[in-house]
């Protein structure tokens, strides 16, 4: 009996710098991922916010589960900087996490620097073309 392809949730169980971004995805740890990413203390996870242009608190449930290990989250909003929705800013503040929205490119560069400094950083990176 033939088995089909098994699709697993995308997860890299470690922290790694982002080597490249663009073309709808990212490269890290000698792997590539198509789509957006959530980089957390528990690893790098595939991330699919319901609407990347209107982020919701529920898009960050996995991050809030690890809030005790995160001081700052860099939110790569795509090509352009957009403010975080008010409800999301409040949720981050209540969780004790400083949130910094920026373009995805700036978020990748800043994440890599803070990761190299061994800071308690997370990143939510919306893929760009």
Protein backbone atom coordinates (compact mmCIF):
# COMPACT_ATOMS: atom_id res chain seq x y z
CA UNK A 1 0.00 0.00 0.00
CA UNK A 2 1.58 3.27 -1.16
CA UNK A 3 1.79 6.17 1.24
CA UNK A 4 1.54 9.74 0.01
CA UNK A 5 3.75 12.59 0.94
CA UNK A 6 3.55 13.43 4.62
CA UNK A 7 3.49 17.17 5.18
CA UNK A 8 4.86 18.21 8.54
CA UNK A 9 4.70 21.57 10.21
CA UNK A 10 7.84 23.49 9.26
CA UNK A 11 10.09 23.72 12.33
CA UNK A 12 13.85 24.01 12.79
CA UNK A 13 14.60 23.15 16.45
CA UNK A 14 17.26 25.71 17.14
CA UNK A 15 18.28 29.33 16.78
CA UNK A 16 20.03 30.30 13.58
CA UNK A 17 20.76 33.53 11.75
CA UNK A 18 18.75 34.24 8.61
CA UNK A 19 21.18 33.91 5.70
CA UNK A 20 18.97 35.35 2.96
CA UNK A 21 15.44 36.53 2.30
CA UNK A 22 13.31 37.34 -0.73
CA UNK A 23 11.55 35.43 -3.50
CA UNK A 24 8.76 34.66 -1.03
CA UNK A 25 10.93 32.94 1.57
CA UNK A 26 14.07 32.69 3.67
CA UNK A 27 17.33 30.72 3.94
CA UNK A 28 18.82 29.68 7.28
CA UNK A 29 20.91 26.77 8.61
CA UNK A 30 21.63 25.60 5.03
CA UNK A 31 17.88 25.17 4.42
CA UNK A 32 15.24 27.21 2.68
CA UNK A 33 11.65 27.93 3.64
CA UNK A 34 8.96 29.34 1.41
CA UNK A 35 6.61 31.62 3.32
CA UNK A 36 6.81 33.64 6.51
CA UNK A 37 8.75 32.70 9.67
CA UNK A 38 8.43 32.97 13.42
CA UNK A 39 11.89 32.82 15.03
CA UNK A 40 11.54 31.89 18.71
CA UNK A 41 13.72 30.49 21.51
CA UNK A 42 12.23 27.04 20.71
CA UNK A 43 13.33 27.27 17.09
CA UNK A 44 12.32 28.62 13.72
CA UNK A 45 8.73 27.89 12.77
CA UNK A 46 6.80 28.30 9.54
CA UNK A 47 4.29 31.09 10.17
CA UNK A 48 1.15 31.95 8.30
CA UNK A 49 -0.70 34.94 9.70
CA UNK A 50 -4.31 34.95 8.50
CA UNK A 51 -3.83 38.39 6.93
CA UNK A 52 -0.26 39.74 6.84
CA UNK A 53 -1.65 43.26 6.31
CA UNK A 54 -3.82 43.03 9.45
CA UNK A 55 -1.91 41.08 12.10
CA UNK A 56 -3.93 39.79 15.05
CA UNK A 57 -2.99 38.73 18.58
CA UNK A 58 -3.86 35.12 17.69
CA UNK A 59 -1.17 35.16 14.96
CA UNK A 60 1.35 35.32 17.82
CA UNK A 61 -0.02 32.57 20.11
CA UNK A 62 3.19 30.54 19.81
CA UNK A 63 5.28 33.59 20.72
CA UNK A 64 3.10 34.35 23.77
CA UNK A 65 3.59 30.73 24.90
CA UNK A 66 7.34 31.52 25.13
CA UNK A 67 6.98 35.10 26.42
CA UNK A 68 9.12 34.41 29.49
CA UNK A 69 12.13 33.81 27.24
CA UNK A 70 11.62 36.83 24.95
CA UNK A 71 12.44 40.47 25.71
CA UNK A 72 12.01 41.92 22.22
CA UNK A 73 10.20 40.82 19.09
CA UNK A 74 11.12 42.27 15.73
CA UNK A 75 8.13 42.27 13.40
CA UNK A 76 9.14 42.27 9.74
CA UNK A 77 6.05 43.81 8.14
CA UNK A 78 7.01 43.08 4.53
CA UNK A 79 8.57 45.62 2.19
CA UNK A 80 7.13 48.62 3.98
CA UNK A 81 6.95 49.68 7.60
CA UNK A 82 3.42 49.63 9.00
CA UNK A 83 2.38 50.23 12.61
CA UNK A 84 1.30 47.29 14.71
CA UNK A 85 -2.45 47.16 15.41
CA UNK A 86 -3.35 48.63 18.83
CA UNK A 87 -4.61 45.32 20.25
CA UNK A 88 -1.32 43.64 19.34
CA UNK A 89 0.75 46.43 20.93
CA UNK A 90 -1.28 46.05 24.14
CA UNK A 91 -0.86 42.24 24.15
CA UNK A 92 2.92 42.53 23.74
CA UNK A 93 3.12 45.12 26.52
CA UNK A 94 1.04 42.93 28.87
CA UNK A 95 3.36 40.00 28.10
CA UNK A 96 6.41 42.13 28.93
CA UNK A 97 7.71 42.03 25.37
CA UNK A 98 9.02 45.08 23.54
CA UNK A 99 7.72 44.98 19.95
CA UNK A 100 9.49 46.77 17.12
CA UNK A 101 7.82 46.81 13.68
CA UNK A 102 10.05 47.43 10.66
CA UNK A 103 10.52 46.22 7.11
CA UNK A 104 11.34 42.52 6.79
CA UNK A 105 14.85 43.32 5.54
CA UNK A 106 15.60 45.53 8.55
CA UNK A 107 14.10 42.91 10.88
CA UNK A 108 16.33 40.16 9.43
CA UNK A 109 19.47 42.26 9.84
CA UNK A 110 18.57 43.36 13.38
CA UNK A 111 17.58 39.82 14.39
CA UNK A 112 20.95 38.48 13.23
CA UNK A 113 22.84 41.12 15.25
CA UNK A 114 20.81 40.55 18.43
CA UNK A 115 21.04 36.77 18.02
CA UNK A 116 24.84 37.05 17.71
CA UNK A 117 24.79 39.06 20.97
CA UNK A 118 22.83 36.20 22.58
CA UNK A 119 19.91 38.50 23.36
CA UNK A 120 16.39 37.25 24.22
CA UNK A 121 15.08 38.15 20.77
CA UNK A 122 12.28 36.75 18.63
CA UNK A 123 11.27 37.70 15.11
CA UNK A 124 8.06 37.48 13.13
CA UNK A 125 9.07 37.81 9.50
CA UNK A 126 6.56 38.28 6.69
CA UNK A 127 8.02 36.92 3.44
CA UNK A 128 8.73 39.37 0.62
CA UNK A 129 9.18 38.79 -3.11
